[in-house]
Every structure is written in structure tokens, then in C-alpha cells.
Amino acid sequence: MAKMETIVLADFDELVYVVENCILDGSATASLEDGSDYAYDHARCAVRVFERFSMAGNNRVSMNVTFFEGEPGRVHVSAITSGGSQAMFFKVNTWGEETFLDKLRDVLDRFRTM
């Protein structure tokens, strides 16, 4: 498992759209497995679950990305990857998870982060 959290100063809808497209365009095997959106008053939340094949680990890796906006223009992004290990009882070879997370970091670098 690998994890990343940051705050991005961006339009919520644009950020979700750009992340979705860049993750999907960044790998021939990437897919958007599912998503969920919720809004209440001024707060908004979007969850996206991506999956891709990791050549480095020779397995499939998933990444859950949660976007939360409590105040306009300030989006908390939390991403957790999983599935990259090949061992039965402990984590070995998590390169695929880190590489998937690096794709998201590259996308978020386009926006102003805190």
C-alpha cells in the first residue's frame, strides 16, 4: 500500500476531470472501475477507483482517489494504492503501487498545492 494526501487550490470539477483523464491516458491498461459523487450544502466529495496492470510487479494495482471540497477552490485529495505485492503474508515488491501514485503526483503538480 502507498498513500498520498495533499490540498490543491483548483476548481473541483476541473480537478476531478483532469485527474480522471490523465490517469486513464497515462497507461494503456488503466481503467476507471467506479466512482461516486456527493454534495451537501457547500461541501463536495468525489471518489474514483482506478485499476491498471503493473509490468514491474506483474500484477494488477488499484488506486482509490478521494476529492473533498469543504470550501470553494480548496480540494483535499487523498489517494491510496493497493494490490501490488506478490507475497502471501507481508508486503514485497510494491513498485507498481508507487508508480501508480506517481502518475497522480504528476497530474497534481499542474495545480497549485499547499
C-alpha atoms as a PDB file:
ATOM      1  CA  MET A   1       0.000   0.000   0.000  1.00  0.00           C
ATOM      2  CA  ALA A   2       1.121   3.512  -0.773  1.00  0.00           C
ATOM      3  CA  LYS A   3      -0.634   6.702   0.295  1.00  0.00           C
ATOM      4  CA  MET A   4      -0.536  10.382  -0.628  1.00  0.00           C
ATOM      5  CA  GLU A   5      -2.517  13.341   0.704  1.00  0.00           C
ATOM      6  CA  THR A   6      -2.399  16.971  -0.334  1.00  0.00           C
ATOM      7  CA  ILE A   7      -4.522  20.089  -0.647  1.00  0.00           C
ATOM      8  CA  VAL A   8      -4.961  21.514  -4.132  1.00  0.00           C
ATOM      9  CA  LEU A   9      -6.181  25.005  -4.952  1.00  0.00           C
ATOM     10  CA  ALA A  10      -8.352  24.378  -8.003  1.00  0.00           C
ATOM     11  CA  ASP A  11     -11.849  24.212  -9.397  1.00  0.00           C
ATOM     12  CA  PHE A  12     -13.333  20.961  -8.057  1.00  0.00           C
ATOM     13  CA  ASP A  13     -14.946  19.771 -11.307  1.00  0.00           C
ATOM     14  CA  GLU A  14     -11.889  20.617 -13.389  1.00  0.00           C
ATOM     15  CA  LEU A  15      -9.575  18.806 -10.979  1.00  0.00           C
ATOM     16  CA  VAL A  16     -11.639  15.607 -10.982  1.00  0.00           C
ATOM     17  CA  TYR A  17     -11.937  15.720 -14.783  1.00  0.00           C
ATOM     18  CA  VAL A  18      -8.219  16.286 -15.356  1.00  0.00           C
ATOM     19  CA  VAL A  19      -7.186  13.568 -12.892  1.00  0.00           C
ATOM     20  CA  GLU A  20      -9.576  11.045 -14.456  1.00  0.00           C
ATOM     21  CA  ASN A  21      -8.341  11.717 -17.981  1.00  0.00           C
ATOM     22  CA  CYS A  22      -4.638  11.889 -17.173  1.00  0.00           C
ATOM     23  CA  ILE A  23      -4.688   8.638 -15.186  1.00  0.00           C
ATOM     24  CA  LEU A  24      -6.578   6.859 -17.966  1.00  0.00           C
ATOM     25  CA  ASP A  25      -4.367   8.319 -20.699  1.00  0.00           C
ATOM     26  CA  GLY A  26      -1.188   7.575 -18.727  1.00  0.00           C
ATOM     27  CA  SER A  27      -1.370   3.802 -19.093  1.00  0.00           C
ATOM     28  CA  ALA A  28      -2.709   1.515 -21.790  1.00  0.00           C
ATOM     29  CA  THR A  29      -4.122  -0.811 -19.127  1.00  0.00           C
ATOM     30  CA  ALA A  30      -5.633   1.830 -16.807  1.00  0.00           C
ATOM     31  CA  SER A  31      -9.387   1.752 -16.233  1.00  0.00           C
ATOM     32  CA  LEU A  32     -11.865   3.683 -14.127  1.00  0.00           C
ATOM     33  CA  GLU A  33     -13.573   0.906 -12.175  1.00  0.00           C
ATOM     34  CA  ASP A  34     -16.189   3.041 -10.451  1.00  0.00           C
ATOM     35  CA  GLY A  35     -16.893   6.409  -8.895  1.00  0.00           C
ATOM     36  CA  SER A  36     -19.211   8.158  -6.508  1.00  0.00           C
ATOM     37  CA  ASP A  37     -20.136  11.823  -6.052  1.00  0.00           C
ATOM     38  CA  TYR A  38     -21.800  13.513  -3.105  1.00  0.00           C
ATOM     39  CA  ALA A  39     -22.660  17.115  -2.272  1.00  0.00           C
ATOM     40  CA  TYR A  40     -24.222  18.701   0.794  1.00  0.00           C
ATOM     41  CA  ASP A  41     -24.529  22.448   1.189  1.00  0.00           C
ATOM     42  CA  HIS A  42     -21.113  23.770   0.102  1.00  0.00           C
ATOM     43  CA  ALA A  43     -19.213  20.524   0.690  1.00  0.00           C
ATOM     44  CA  ARG A  44     -18.473  18.156  -2.182  1.00  0.00           C
ATOM     45  CA  CYS A  45     -16.882  14.739  -2.338  1.00  0.00           C
ATOM     46  CA  ALA A  46     -15.887  12.556  -5.284  1.00  0.00           C
ATOM     47  CA  VAL A  47     -14.364   9.089  -5.076  1.00  0.00           C
ATOM     48  CA  ARG A  48     -12.717   7.359  -8.040  1.00  0.00           C
ATOM     49  CA  VAL A  49     -11.292   3.838  -8.155  1.00  0.00           C
ATOM     50  CA  PHE A  50      -8.744   3.153 -10.876  1.00  0.00           C
ATOM     51  CA  GLU A  51      -7.021  -0.086 -11.776  1.00  0.00           C
ATOM     52  CA  ARG A  52      -4.096  -0.946 -14.038  1.00  0.00           C
ATOM     53  CA  PHE A  53      -1.679  -3.745 -14.788  1.00  0.00           C
ATOM     54  CA  SER A  54       1.804  -3.282 -13.333  1.00  0.00           C
ATOM     55  CA  MET A  55       4.544  -4.709 -15.508  1.00  0.00           C
ATOM     56  CA  ALA A  56       7.083  -4.102 -12.751  1.00  0.00           C
ATOM     57  CA  GLY A  57       5.125  -6.287 -10.336  1.00  0.00           C
ATOM     58  CA  ASN A  58       3.421  -8.471 -12.936  1.00  0.00           C
ATOM     59  CA  ASN A  59       0.056  -7.893 -11.218  1.00  0.00           C
ATOM     60  CA  ARG A  60      -2.916  -5.543 -11.061  1.00  0.00           C
ATOM     61  CA  VAL A  61      -2.856  -2.451  -8.875  1.00  0.00           C
ATOM     62  CA  SER A  62      -5.801  -0.336  -7.740  1.00  0.00           C
ATOM     63  CA  MET A  63      -5.850   3.296  -6.684  1.00  0.00           C
ATOM     64  CA  ASN A  64      -8.649   4.955  -4.746  1.00  0.00           C
ATOM     65  CA  VAL A  65      -8.668   8.758  -5.098  1.00  0.00           C
ATOM     66  CA  THR A  66     -10.925  10.845  -2.864  1.00  0.00           C
ATOM     67  CA  PHE A  67     -11.519  14.535  -3.551  1.00  0.00           C
ATOM     68  CA  PHE A  68     -13.121  16.609  -0.772  1.00  0.00           C
ATOM     69  CA  GLU A  69     -14.001  20.297  -1.016  1.00  0.00           C
ATOM     70  CA  GLY A  70     -15.163  21.926   2.206  1.00  0.00           C
ATOM     71  CA  GLU A  71     -14.661  25.463   0.957  1.00  0.00           C
ATOM     72  CA  PRO A  72     -14.714  26.587  -2.682  1.00  0.00           C
ATOM     73  CA  GLY A  73     -11.411  26.216  -4.506  1.00  0.00           C
ATOM     74  CA  ARG A  74      -9.654  24.224  -1.766  1.00  0.00           C
ATOM     75  CA  VAL A  75      -9.714  20.486  -2.509  1.00  0.00           C
ATOM     76  CA  HIS A  76      -8.241  17.840  -0.217  1.00  0.00           C
ATOM     77  CA  VAL A  77      -7.003  14.890  -2.277  1.00  0.00           C
ATOM     78  CA  SER A  78      -6.305  11.523  -0.680  1.00  0.00           C
ATOM     79  CA  ALA A  79      -5.030   8.584  -2.740  1.00  0.00           C
ATOM     80  CA  ILE A  80      -4.351   5.031  -1.594  1.00  0.00           C
ATOM     81  CA  THR A  81      -2.991   2.271  -3.810  1.00  0.00           C
ATOM     82  CA  SER A  82      -3.203  -1.441  -3.155  1.00  0.00           C
ATOM     83  CA  GLY A  83      -2.646  -4.806  -4.766  1.00  0.00           C
ATOM     84  CA  GLY A  84       0.963  -4.527  -5.870  1.00  0.00           C
ATOM     85  CA  SER A  85       2.505  -7.072  -3.544  1.00  0.00           C
ATOM     86  CA  GLN A  86       3.216 -10.649  -4.557  1.00  0.00           C
ATOM     87  CA  ALA A  87       3.905 -12.069  -1.094  1.00  0.00           C
ATOM     88  CA  MET A  88       1.352 -14.018   0.900  1.00  0.00           C
ATOM     89  CA  PHE A  89       1.947 -12.732   4.451  1.00  0.00           C
ATOM     90  CA  PHE A  90       3.891  -9.470   4.082  1.00  0.00           C
ATOM     91  CA  LYS A  91       4.477  -6.736   1.525  1.00  0.00           C
ATOM     92  CA  VAL A  92       7.125  -7.415  -1.108  1.00  0.00           C
ATOM     93  CA  ASN A  93       7.534  -5.571  -4.405  1.00  0.00           C
ATOM     94  CA  THR A  94       5.279  -2.523  -4.084  1.00  0.00           C
ATOM     95  CA  TRP A  95       6.859  -0.737  -7.080  1.00  0.00           C
ATOM     96  CA  GLY A  96       3.621  -0.892  -9.049  1.00  0.00           C
ATOM     97  CA  GLU A  97       1.736   0.870  -6.266  1.00  0.00           C
ATOM     98  CA  GLU A  98       4.305   3.678  -6.005  1.00  0.00           C
ATOM     99  CA  THR A  99       4.447   4.062  -9.799  1.00  0.00           C
ATOM    100  CA  PHE A 100       0.652   4.385  -9.993  1.00  0.00           C
ATOM    101  CA  LEU A 101       0.726   7.011  -7.252  1.00  0.00           C
ATOM    102  CA  ASP A 102       3.492   8.869  -9.110  1.00  0.00           C
ATOM    103  CA  LYS A 103       1.106   9.283 -12.068  1.00  0.00           C
ATOM    104  CA  LEU A 104      -1.297  11.121  -9.772  1.00  0.00           C
ATOM    105  CA  ARG A 105       1.506  13.252  -8.315  1.00  0.00           C
ATOM    106  CA  ASP A 106       2.477  14.298 -11.848  1.00  0.00           C
ATOM    107  CA  VAL A 107      -1.102  15.392 -12.555  1.00  0.00           C
ATOM    108  CA  LEU A 108      -1.450  17.311  -9.292  1.00  0.00           C
ATOM    109  CA  ASP A 109       1.820  19.141  -9.966  1.00  0.00           C
ATOM    110  CA  ARG A 110      -0.078  21.027 -12.684  1.00  0.00           C
ATOM    111  CA  PHE A 111      -2.177  22.641  -9.969  1.00  0.00           C
ATOM    112  CA  ARG A 112      -1.149  24.806  -7.050  1.00  0.00           C
ATOM    113  CA  THR A 113      -0.803  22.651  -3.950  1.00  0.00           C
ATOM    114  CA  MET A 114      -0.417  23.616  -0.321  1.00  0.00           C
END
